[in-house]
Amino acid sequence: MNEKIKEILTNEKKFAAFINKKYLDLTEEKFNVVCIKINKNDIEHVAKDNKIVNKIKALFKIEKIMVMERFKINEIDKTNVLNDVKTMLIADIESIILLYDYIGSKNKTTARILHKINGITYNDQLQEFIAECYNTFGELIEYTSKKVKTVSQKIISSRVKYSDFKLME
């Protein structure tokens, strides 16, 4: 058996990413057509409360807010409008939390995601947040992170800087 296939089959997150990517590769229009076909023909899928469908629709909403193409995280540059983007994400929090499995409760998950969004102060942190939204479908996006020192109003601090976002193969 090919090593790549063996790795996908033995790693739950990579297997989920492999399965979900076929839906993530569709445009919104094509995805809606697939949803109609699934809902008409698959009673079991409808009984699952359309979790994958709702997650992908939430991802489409995020991509519209970001004005981005699927998986093009490196191209995101919202430095000049970061607060506006954060406001739009917070306004659509009900869609965003659909991406995450509730840890504890819906309220705790909502609070955790709001805290994450409110903590975004640099463009690379926004990019990392978007990457993690994709990664709720499995291990799809990988990136590097390194600790850097920043100077703001004569105060030296350190933070994690994220870069080199890429789709895992």
N, C-alpha and C. Protein backbone atom coordinates (compact mmCIF):
# COMPACT_ATOMS: atom_id res chain seq x y z
N MET A 1 0.84 -1.18 0.00
CA MET A 1 0.00 0.00 0.00
C MET A 1 0.89 1.24 0.00
N ASN A 2 0.54 2.20 -0.79
CA ASN A 2 1.25 3.47 -0.86
C ASN A 2 1.32 4.11 0.53
N GLU A 3 2.48 4.65 0.90
CA GLU A 3 2.67 5.27 2.22
C GLU A 3 1.71 6.44 2.45
N LYS A 4 1.46 7.22 1.41
CA LYS A 4 0.55 8.36 1.53
C LYS A 4 -0.85 7.89 1.87
N ILE A 5 -1.31 6.85 1.19
CA ILE A 5 -2.65 6.30 1.44
C ILE A 5 -2.71 5.72 2.85
N LYS A 6 -1.67 5.01 3.23
CA LYS A 6 -1.62 4.42 4.57
C LYS A 6 -1.69 5.51 5.65
N GLU A 7 -0.99 6.61 5.42
CA GLU A 7 -1.01 7.72 6.38
C GLU A 7 -2.41 8.32 6.49
N ILE A 8 -3.08 8.50 5.36
CA ILE A 8 -4.45 9.06 5.36
C ILE A 8 -5.40 8.12 6.09
N LEU A 9 -5.28 6.83 5.84
CA LEU A 9 -6.19 5.87 6.45
C LEU A 9 -5.96 5.68 7.95
N THR A 10 -4.76 5.94 8.42
CA THR A 10 -4.46 5.73 9.84
C THR A 10 -4.49 6.99 10.69
N ASN A 11 -4.68 8.13 10.07
CA ASN A 11 -4.74 9.40 10.81
C ASN A 11 -6.14 9.98 10.64
N GLU A 12 -6.88 10.03 11.74
CA GLU A 12 -8.29 10.45 11.69
C GLU A 12 -8.47 11.85 11.09
N LYS A 13 -7.63 12.80 11.48
CA LYS A 13 -7.76 14.17 10.96
C LYS A 13 -7.42 14.25 9.48
N LYS A 14 -6.42 13.51 9.05
CA LYS A 14 -6.06 13.52 7.63
C LYS A 14 -7.13 12.81 6.80
N PHE A 15 -7.72 11.76 7.37
CA PHE A 15 -8.80 11.06 6.67
C PHE A 15 -10.01 11.98 6.52
N ALA A 16 -10.37 12.69 7.58
CA ALA A 16 -11.49 13.64 7.53
C ALA A 16 -11.21 14.72 6.48
N ALA A 17 -9.99 15.23 6.46
CA ALA A 17 -9.63 16.26 5.48
C ALA A 17 -9.76 15.71 4.06
N PHE A 18 -9.31 14.49 3.84
CA PHE A 18 -9.38 13.86 2.52
C PHE A 18 -10.83 13.73 2.06
N ILE A 19 -11.70 13.27 2.95
CA ILE A 19 -13.12 13.10 2.61
C ILE A 19 -13.79 14.45 2.39
N ASN A 20 -13.56 15.40 3.28
CA ASN A 20 -14.24 16.69 3.21
C ASN A 20 -13.75 17.55 2.05
N LYS A 21 -12.51 17.34 1.61
CA LYS A 21 -11.94 18.19 0.58
C LYS A 21 -12.72 18.10 -0.74
N LYS A 22 -13.34 16.97 -1.00
CA LYS A 22 -14.12 16.87 -2.25
C LYS A 22 -15.26 17.88 -2.26
N TYR A 23 -15.83 18.18 -1.10
CA TYR A 23 -16.87 19.20 -1.02
C TYR A 23 -16.26 20.60 -0.99
N LEU A 24 -15.14 20.74 -0.33
CA LEU A 24 -14.49 22.04 -0.22
C LEU A 24 -13.94 22.53 -1.55
N ASP A 25 -13.68 21.64 -2.47
CA ASP A 25 -13.17 22.03 -3.78
C ASP A 25 -14.26 22.57 -4.71
N LEU A 26 -15.51 22.45 -4.32
CA LEU A 26 -16.61 22.92 -5.16
C LEU A 26 -16.85 24.42 -4.98
N THR A 27 -17.32 25.05 -6.04
CA THR A 27 -17.76 26.45 -5.91
C THR A 27 -19.07 26.44 -5.12
N GLU A 28 -19.50 27.60 -4.66
CA GLU A 28 -20.74 27.66 -3.89
C GLU A 28 -21.93 27.19 -4.73
N GLU A 29 -21.96 27.57 -5.99
CA GLU A 29 -23.05 27.17 -6.88
C GLU A 29 -23.09 25.65 -7.04
N LYS A 30 -21.94 25.04 -7.32
CA LYS A 30 -21.89 23.58 -7.49
C LYS A 30 -22.19 22.87 -6.18
N PHE A 31 -21.73 23.44 -5.08
CA PHE A 31 -21.99 22.84 -3.78
C PHE A 31 -23.50 22.81 -3.50
N ASN A 32 -24.20 23.90 -3.83
CA ASN A 32 -25.65 23.94 -3.60
C ASN A 32 -26.38 22.89 -4.43
N VAL A 33 -25.90 22.63 -5.65
CA VAL A 33 -26.49 21.58 -6.48
C VAL A 33 -26.26 20.21 -5.83
N VAL A 34 -25.05 19.98 -5.34
CA VAL A 34 -24.74 18.71 -4.66
C VAL A 34 -25.62 18.55 -3.42
N CYS A 35 -25.82 19.62 -2.67
CA CYS A 35 -26.66 19.56 -1.48
C CYS A 35 -28.08 19.13 -1.81
N ILE A 36 -28.60 19.67 -2.89
CA ILE A 36 -29.97 19.31 -3.30
C ILE A 36 -30.03 17.82 -3.63
N LYS A 37 -29.02 17.33 -4.37
CA LYS A 37 -28.99 15.91 -4.72
C LYS A 37 -28.87 15.03 -3.47
N ILE A 38 -27.98 15.44 -2.54
CA ILE A 38 -27.79 14.66 -1.31
C ILE A 38 -29.08 14.63 -0.51
N ASN A 39 -29.70 15.78 -0.34
CA ASN A 39 -30.91 15.86 0.49
C ASN A 39 -32.07 15.08 -0.11
N LYS A 40 -32.15 14.99 -1.43
CA LYS A 40 -33.23 14.26 -2.08
C LYS A 40 -33.01 12.75 -2.02
N ASN A 41 -31.74 12.33 -2.05
CA ASN A 41 -31.45 10.91 -2.20
C ASN A 41 -30.92 10.21 -0.96
N ASP A 42 -30.59 10.94 0.07
CA ASP A 42 -29.90 10.32 1.20
C ASP A 42 -30.59 10.67 2.51
N ILE A 43 -31.54 9.86 2.90
CA ILE A 43 -32.30 10.11 4.13
C ILE A 43 -31.35 10.09 5.34
N GLU A 44 -30.39 9.20 5.33
CA GLU A 44 -29.44 9.11 6.44
C GLU A 44 -28.68 10.44 6.60
N HIS A 45 -28.30 11.05 5.48
CA HIS A 45 -27.57 12.31 5.53
C HIS A 45 -28.44 13.41 6.13
N VAL A 46 -29.70 13.47 5.71
CA VAL A 46 -30.61 14.49 6.24
C VAL A 46 -30.81 14.27 7.74
N ALA A 47 -30.85 13.04 8.17
CA ALA A 47 -31.02 12.74 9.59
C ALA A 47 -29.83 13.20 10.42
N LYS A 48 -28.67 13.36 9.80
CA LYS A 48 -27.47 13.83 10.51
C LYS A 48 -27.48 15.33 10.71
N ASP A 49 -28.58 16.00 10.38
CA ASP A 49 -28.74 17.44 10.57
C ASP A 49 -27.81 18.24 9.65
N ASN A 50 -27.41 17.66 8.55
CA ASN A 50 -26.61 18.37 7.54
C ASN A 50 -25.37 19.05 8.11
N LYS A 51 -24.67 18.43 9.01
CA LYS A 51 -23.52 19.05 9.66
C LYS A 51 -22.48 19.53 8.65
N ILE A 52 -22.08 18.68 7.72
CA ILE A 52 -21.06 19.06 6.74
C ILE A 52 -21.58 20.18 5.84
N VAL A 53 -22.85 20.10 5.47
CA VAL A 53 -23.45 21.13 4.61
C VAL A 53 -23.41 22.48 5.33
N ASN A 54 -23.85 22.51 6.57
CA ASN A 54 -23.87 23.77 7.32
C ASN A 54 -22.47 24.31 7.57
N LYS A 55 -21.51 23.42 7.81
CA LYS A 55 -20.13 23.87 8.00
C LYS A 55 -19.58 24.53 6.73
N ILE A 56 -19.83 23.93 5.60
CA ILE A 56 -19.31 24.48 4.34
C ILE A 56 -20.03 25.79 4.00
N LYS A 57 -21.32 25.87 4.27
CA LYS A 57 -22.02 27.14 4.05
C LYS A 57 -21.45 28.23 4.95
N ALA A 58 -21.09 27.89 6.18
CA ALA A 58 -20.45 28.86 7.09
C ALA A 58 -19.11 29.31 6.51
N LEU A 59 -18.38 28.38 5.93
CA LEU A 59 -17.09 28.72 5.33
C LEU A 59 -17.27 29.66 4.13
N PHE A 60 -18.30 29.44 3.33
CA PHE A 60 -18.60 30.36 2.22
C PHE A 60 -18.84 31.77 2.76
N LYS A 61 -19.58 31.88 3.87
CA LYS A 61 -19.84 33.21 4.46
C LYS A 61 -18.56 33.88 4.89
N ILE A 62 -17.66 33.12 5.53
CA ILE A 62 -16.38 33.69 5.96
C ILE A 62 -15.57 34.15 4.77
N GLU A 63 -15.54 33.35 3.72
CA GLU A 63 -14.79 33.72 2.52
C GLU A 63 -15.36 34.99 1.88
N LYS A 64 -16.67 35.15 1.94
CA LYS A 64 -17.28 36.38 1.41
C LYS A 64 -16.87 37.58 2.25
N ILE A 65 -16.86 37.43 3.56
CA ILE A 65 -16.42 38.52 4.44
C ILE A 65 -14.98 38.88 4.13
N MET A 66 -14.15 37.88 3.92
CA MET A 66 -12.73 38.08 3.68
C MET A 66 -12.45 38.49 2.23
N VAL A 67 -13.43 38.33 1.35
CA VAL A 67 -13.27 38.57 -0.09
C VAL A 67 -12.04 37.79 -0.57
N MET A 68 -12.14 36.49 -0.41
CA MET A 68 -11.00 35.62 -0.75
C MET A 68 -11.47 34.39 -1.49
N GLU A 69 -10.52 33.78 -2.20
CA GLU A 69 -10.77 32.50 -2.84
C GLU A 69 -10.41 31.39 -1.87
N ARG A 70 -11.04 30.25 -2.07
CA ARG A 70 -10.82 29.10 -1.20
C ARG A 70 -9.33 28.77 -1.07
N PHE A 71 -8.86 28.63 0.16
CA PHE A 71 -7.50 28.24 0.53
C PHE A 71 -6.43 29.30 0.23
N LYS A 72 -6.78 30.48 -0.22
CA LYS A 72 -5.80 31.52 -0.58
C LYS A 72 -5.48 32.41 0.63
N ILE A 73 -5.07 31.81 1.70
CA ILE A 73 -4.84 32.53 2.96
C ILE A 73 -3.69 33.51 2.86
N ASN A 74 -2.63 33.16 2.15
CA ASN A 74 -1.48 34.07 2.03
C ASN A 74 -1.84 35.38 1.35
N GLU A 75 -2.92 35.38 0.58
CA GLU A 75 -3.31 36.59 -0.15
C GLU A 75 -4.16 37.55 0.70
N ILE A 76 -4.55 37.12 1.89
CA ILE A 76 -5.35 37.97 2.77
C ILE A 76 -4.47 39.11 3.28
N ASP A 77 -4.91 40.33 3.05
CA ASP A 77 -4.25 41.50 3.64
C ASP A 77 -5.33 42.49 4.04
N LYS A 78 -5.74 42.38 5.27
CA LYS A 78 -6.79 43.24 5.81
C LYS A 78 -6.22 44.18 6.87
N THR A 79 -4.93 44.45 6.80
CA THR A 79 -4.26 45.28 7.80
C THR A 79 -4.98 46.61 8.01
N ASN A 80 -5.38 47.27 6.94
CA ASN A 80 -6.00 48.59 7.05
C ASN A 80 -7.47 48.54 7.47
N VAL A 81 -8.09 47.39 7.39
CA VAL A 81 -9.51 47.28 7.74
C VAL A 81 -9.75 46.15 8.76
N LEU A 82 -8.74 45.85 9.55
CA LEU A 82 -8.80 44.73 10.49
C LEU A 82 -9.99 44.84 11.44
N ASN A 83 -10.22 46.01 12.00
CA ASN A 83 -11.34 46.17 12.93
C ASN A 83 -12.68 45.97 12.24
N ASP A 84 -12.80 46.43 11.00
CA ASP A 84 -14.05 46.22 10.25
C ASP A 84 -14.29 44.73 10.00
N VAL A 85 -13.24 44.01 9.64
CA VAL A 85 -13.36 42.58 9.38
C VAL A 85 -13.74 41.84 10.66
N LYS A 86 -13.11 42.22 11.76
CA LYS A 86 -13.44 41.59 13.05
C LYS A 86 -14.91 41.84 13.40
N THR A 87 -15.39 43.04 13.15
CA THR A 87 -16.79 43.37 13.42
C THR A 87 -17.72 42.51 12.58
N MET A 88 -17.38 42.31 11.31
CA MET A 88 -18.20 41.48 10.43
C MET A 88 -18.19 40.02 10.88
N LEU A 89 -17.01 39.52 11.29
CA LEU A 89 -16.92 38.14 11.78
C LEU A 89 -17.76 37.97 13.04
N ILE A 90 -17.67 38.92 13.95
CA ILE A 90 -18.45 38.84 15.19
C ILE A 90 -19.94 38.89 14.89
N ALA A 91 -20.33 39.71 13.93
CA ALA A 91 -21.74 39.81 13.56
C ALA A 91 -22.27 38.48 13.00
N ASP A 92 -21.38 37.67 12.44
CA ASP A 92 -21.77 36.38 11.86
C ASP A 92 -21.30 35.21 12.73
N ILE A 93 -21.19 35.44 14.03
CA ILE A 93 -20.67 34.42 14.94
C ILE A 93 -21.50 33.14 14.93
N GLU A 94 -22.82 33.26 14.72
CA GLU A 94 -23.67 32.07 14.70
C GLU A 94 -23.28 31.11 13.57
N SER A 95 -22.82 31.65 12.45
CA SER A 95 -22.35 30.80 11.35
C SER A 95 -20.98 30.22 11.69
N ILE A 96 -20.11 31.05 12.23
CA ILE A 96 -18.74 30.61 12.51
C ILE A 96 -18.70 29.47 13.52
N ILE A 97 -19.54 29.54 14.55
CA ILE A 97 -19.48 28.48 15.57
C ILE A 97 -19.95 27.14 15.02
N LEU A 98 -20.65 27.14 13.88
CA LEU A 98 -21.05 25.87 13.26
C LEU A 98 -19.83 25.06 12.82
N LEU A 99 -18.71 25.74 12.58
CA LEU A 99 -17.49 25.05 12.16
C LEU A 99 -16.88 24.22 13.28
N TYR A 100 -17.16 24.61 14.50
CA TYR A 100 -16.51 24.00 15.67
C TYR A 100 -17.47 23.07 16.40
N ASP A 101 -16.93 21.94 16.83
CA ASP A 101 -17.72 21.08 17.70
C ASP A 101 -17.80 21.78 19.05
N TYR A 102 -18.97 21.78 19.63
CA TYR A 102 -19.13 22.46 20.90
C TYR A 102 -18.31 21.75 21.97
N ILE A 103 -17.43 22.50 22.60
CA ILE A 103 -16.64 21.97 23.70
C ILE A 103 -17.30 22.47 24.98
N GLY A 104 -17.99 21.60 25.67
CA GLY A 104 -18.73 22.00 26.86
C GLY A 104 -20.14 22.39 26.50
N SER A 105 -20.29 23.52 25.83
CA SER A 105 -21.62 23.99 25.45
C SER A 105 -21.49 25.00 24.31
N LYS A 106 -22.62 25.34 23.73
CA LYS A 106 -22.63 26.34 22.66
C LYS A 106 -22.14 27.68 23.19
N ASN A 107 -22.56 28.03 24.40
CA ASN A 107 -22.14 29.31 24.99
C ASN A 107 -20.63 29.38 25.21
N LYS A 108 -20.05 28.29 25.69
CA LYS A 108 -18.59 28.27 25.91
C LYS A 108 -17.84 28.34 24.58
N THR A 109 -18.34 27.63 23.59
CA THR A 109 -17.71 27.66 22.27
C THR A 109 -17.81 29.06 21.67
N THR A 110 -18.98 29.68 21.79
CA THR A 110 -19.16 31.04 21.28
C THR A 110 -18.21 32.00 21.98
N ALA A 111 -18.11 31.89 23.29
CA ALA A 111 -17.21 32.77 24.05
C ALA A 111 -15.76 32.57 23.62
N ARG A 112 -15.37 31.32 23.40
CA ARG A 112 -14.00 31.01 22.99
C ARG A 112 -13.68 31.61 21.62
N ILE A 113 -14.61 31.49 20.68
CA ILE A 113 -14.39 32.03 19.34
C ILE A 113 -14.40 33.56 19.36
N LEU A 114 -15.31 34.15 20.12
CA LEU A 114 -15.33 35.61 20.25
C LEU A 114 -14.02 36.12 20.84
N HIS A 115 -13.51 35.43 21.84
CA HIS A 115 -12.23 35.81 22.45
C HIS A 115 -11.10 35.75 21.41
N LYS A 116 -11.13 34.70 20.60
CA LYS A 116 -10.12 34.54 19.55
C LYS A 116 -10.20 35.69 18.54
N ILE A 117 -11.41 36.02 18.09
CA ILE A 117 -11.58 37.10 17.11
C ILE A 117 -11.18 38.44 17.71
N ASN A 118 -11.63 38.70 18.92
CA ASN A 118 -11.29 39.97 19.57
C ASN A 118 -9.80 40.12 19.84
N GLY A 119 -9.10 39.00 19.95
CA GLY A 119 -7.65 39.03 20.19
C GLY A 119 -6.81 39.26 18.95
N ILE A 120 -7.43 39.31 17.80
CA ILE A 120 -6.70 39.52 16.54
C ILE A 120 -6.27 40.98 16.45
N THR A 121 -4.95 41.20 16.42
CA THR A 121 -4.44 42.57 16.28
C THR A 121 -3.53 42.74 15.08
N TYR A 122 -3.16 41.63 14.44
CA TYR A 122 -2.28 41.67 13.27
C TYR A 122 -2.90 40.82 12.15
N ASN A 123 -2.57 41.15 10.93
CA ASN A 123 -3.09 40.43 9.77
C ASN A 123 -2.76 38.94 9.83
N ASP A 124 -1.55 38.59 10.26
CA ASP A 124 -1.18 37.18 10.30
C ASP A 124 -2.02 36.39 11.31
N GLN A 125 -2.49 37.06 12.36
CA GLN A 125 -3.38 36.40 13.32
C GLN A 125 -4.75 36.13 12.68
N LEU A 126 -5.19 37.05 11.84
CA LEU A 126 -6.43 36.83 11.08
C LEU A 126 -6.25 35.65 10.13
N GLN A 127 -5.11 35.60 9.45
CA GLN A 127 -4.83 34.49 8.54
C GLN A 127 -4.83 33.16 9.30
N GLU A 128 -4.25 33.16 10.48
CA GLU A 128 -4.20 31.94 11.29
C GLU A 128 -5.61 31.52 11.70
N PHE A 129 -6.45 32.50 12.05
CA PHE A 129 -7.84 32.20 12.41
C PHE A 129 -8.56 31.54 11.23
N ILE A 130 -8.38 32.08 10.04
CA ILE A 130 -9.01 31.51 8.84
C ILE A 130 -8.47 30.11 8.58
N ALA A 131 -7.17 29.91 8.75
CA ALA A 131 -6.58 28.58 8.56
C ALA A 131 -7.21 27.58 9.54
N GLU A 132 -7.41 28.00 10.77
CA GLU A 132 -8.02 27.11 11.75
C GLU A 132 -9.49 26.83 11.42
N CYS A 133 -10.17 27.77 10.79
CA CYS A 133 -11.54 27.50 10.32
C CYS A 133 -11.51 26.38 9.28
N TYR A 134 -10.57 26.44 8.34
CA TYR A 134 -10.42 25.36 7.36
C TYR A 134 -10.06 24.05 8.07
N ASN A 135 -9.22 24.12 9.06
CA ASN A 135 -8.75 22.91 9.74
C ASN A 135 -9.82 22.25 10.60
N THR A 136 -10.99 22.87 10.74
CA THR A 136 -12.08 22.17 11.42
C THR A 136 -12.61 21.02 10.56
N PHE A 137 -12.20 20.99 9.28
CA PHE A 137 -12.59 19.90 8.38
C PHE A 137 -11.55 18.78 8.38
N GLY A 138 -10.51 18.89 9.16
CA GLY A 138 -9.39 17.96 9.19
C GLY A 138 -8.11 18.73 8.94
N GLU A 139 -7.01 18.05 8.88
CA GLU A 139 -5.72 18.73 8.66
C GLU A 139 -5.60 19.15 7.20
N LEU A 140 -6.01 20.38 6.89
CA LEU A 140 -6.00 20.87 5.52
C LEU A 140 -4.91 21.91 5.28
N ILE A 141 -4.73 22.82 6.23
CA ILE A 141 -3.80 23.94 6.07
C ILE A 141 -2.68 23.81 7.08
N GLU A 142 -1.47 23.92 6.59
CA GLU A 142 -0.33 23.98 7.50
C GLU A 142 0.35 25.33 7.36
N TYR A 143 1.03 25.74 8.40
CA TYR A 143 1.69 27.05 8.40
C TYR A 143 2.80 27.04 9.42
N THR A 144 3.64 28.04 9.33
CA THR A 144 4.73 28.15 10.29
C THR A 144 4.40 29.23 11.31
N SER A 145 4.98 29.09 12.45
CA SER A 145 4.82 30.11 13.49
C SER A 145 6.17 30.29 14.18
N LYS A 146 6.47 31.54 14.50
CA LYS A 146 7.71 31.81 15.21
C LYS A 146 7.50 33.00 16.13
N LYS A 147 8.22 33.01 17.20
CA LYS A 147 8.13 34.08 18.16
C LYS A 147 8.95 35.27 17.67
N VAL A 148 8.34 36.45 17.67
CA VAL A 148 9.02 37.67 17.24
C VAL A 148 8.84 38.75 18.30
N LYS A 149 9.79 39.66 18.35
CA LYS A 149 9.68 40.80 19.27
C LYS A 149 9.06 41.97 18.54
N THR A 150 8.18 42.67 19.22
CA THR A 150 7.55 43.86 18.65
C THR A 150 7.81 45.05 19.57
N VAL A 151 7.88 46.22 18.98
CA VAL A 151 8.06 47.45 19.75
C VAL A 151 6.88 48.37 19.44
N SER A 152 6.16 48.73 20.46
CA SER A 152 5.02 49.62 20.30
C SER A 152 5.05 50.65 21.43
N GLN A 153 5.16 51.91 21.08
CA GLN A 153 5.23 53.01 22.04
C GLN A 153 6.30 52.74 23.10
N LYS A 154 7.47 52.37 22.61
CA LYS A 154 8.66 52.11 23.44
C LYS A 154 8.51 50.91 24.38
N ILE A 155 7.51 50.09 24.14
CA ILE A 155 7.33 48.88 24.93
C ILE A 155 7.69 47.68 24.06
N ILE A 156 8.62 46.89 24.54
CA ILE A 156 9.05 45.69 23.81
C ILE A 156 8.24 44.50 24.32
N SER A 157 7.64 43.80 23.38
CA SER A 157 6.90 42.59 23.74
C SER A 157 7.17 41.53 22.68
N SER A 158 6.73 40.34 22.96
CA SER A 158 6.91 39.27 21.97
C SER A 158 5.54 38.67 21.66
N ARG A 159 5.44 38.12 20.47
CA ARG A 159 4.21 37.47 20.05
C ARG A 159 4.57 36.39 19.04
N VAL A 160 3.60 35.57 18.72
CA VAL A 160 3.79 34.54 17.71
C VAL A 160 3.36 35.12 16.37
N LYS A 161 4.22 34.98 15.37
CA LYS A 161 3.91 35.44 14.01
C LYS A 161 3.68 34.19 13.13
N TYR A 162 2.61 34.24 12.37
CA TYR A 162 2.21 33.11 11.51
C TYR A 162 2.49 33.45 10.05
N SER A 163 2.93 32.46 9.28
CA SER A 163 3.23 32.71 7.87
C SER A 163 3.24 31.40 7.08
N ASP A 164 3.44 31.53 5.79
CA ASP A 164 3.59 30.38 4.87
C ASP A 164 2.42 29.38 4.96
N PHE A 165 1.22 29.88 4.77
CA PHE A 165 0.04 29.05 4.81
C PHE A 165 -0.06 28.25 3.51
N LYS A 166 -0.22 26.94 3.64
CA LYS A 166 -0.35 26.14 2.41
C LYS A 166 -1.25 24.94 2.64
N LEU A 167 -1.89 24.54 1.57
CA LEU A 167 -2.76 23.38 1.57
C LEU A 167 -1.90 22.13 1.68
N MET A 168 -2.23 21.28 2.63
CA MET A 168 -1.47 20.04 2.78
C MET A 168 -1.80 19.10 1.63
N GLU A 169 -0.83 18.34 1.24
CA GLU A 169 -1.05 17.39 0.14
C GLU A 169 -1.35 16.01 0.66
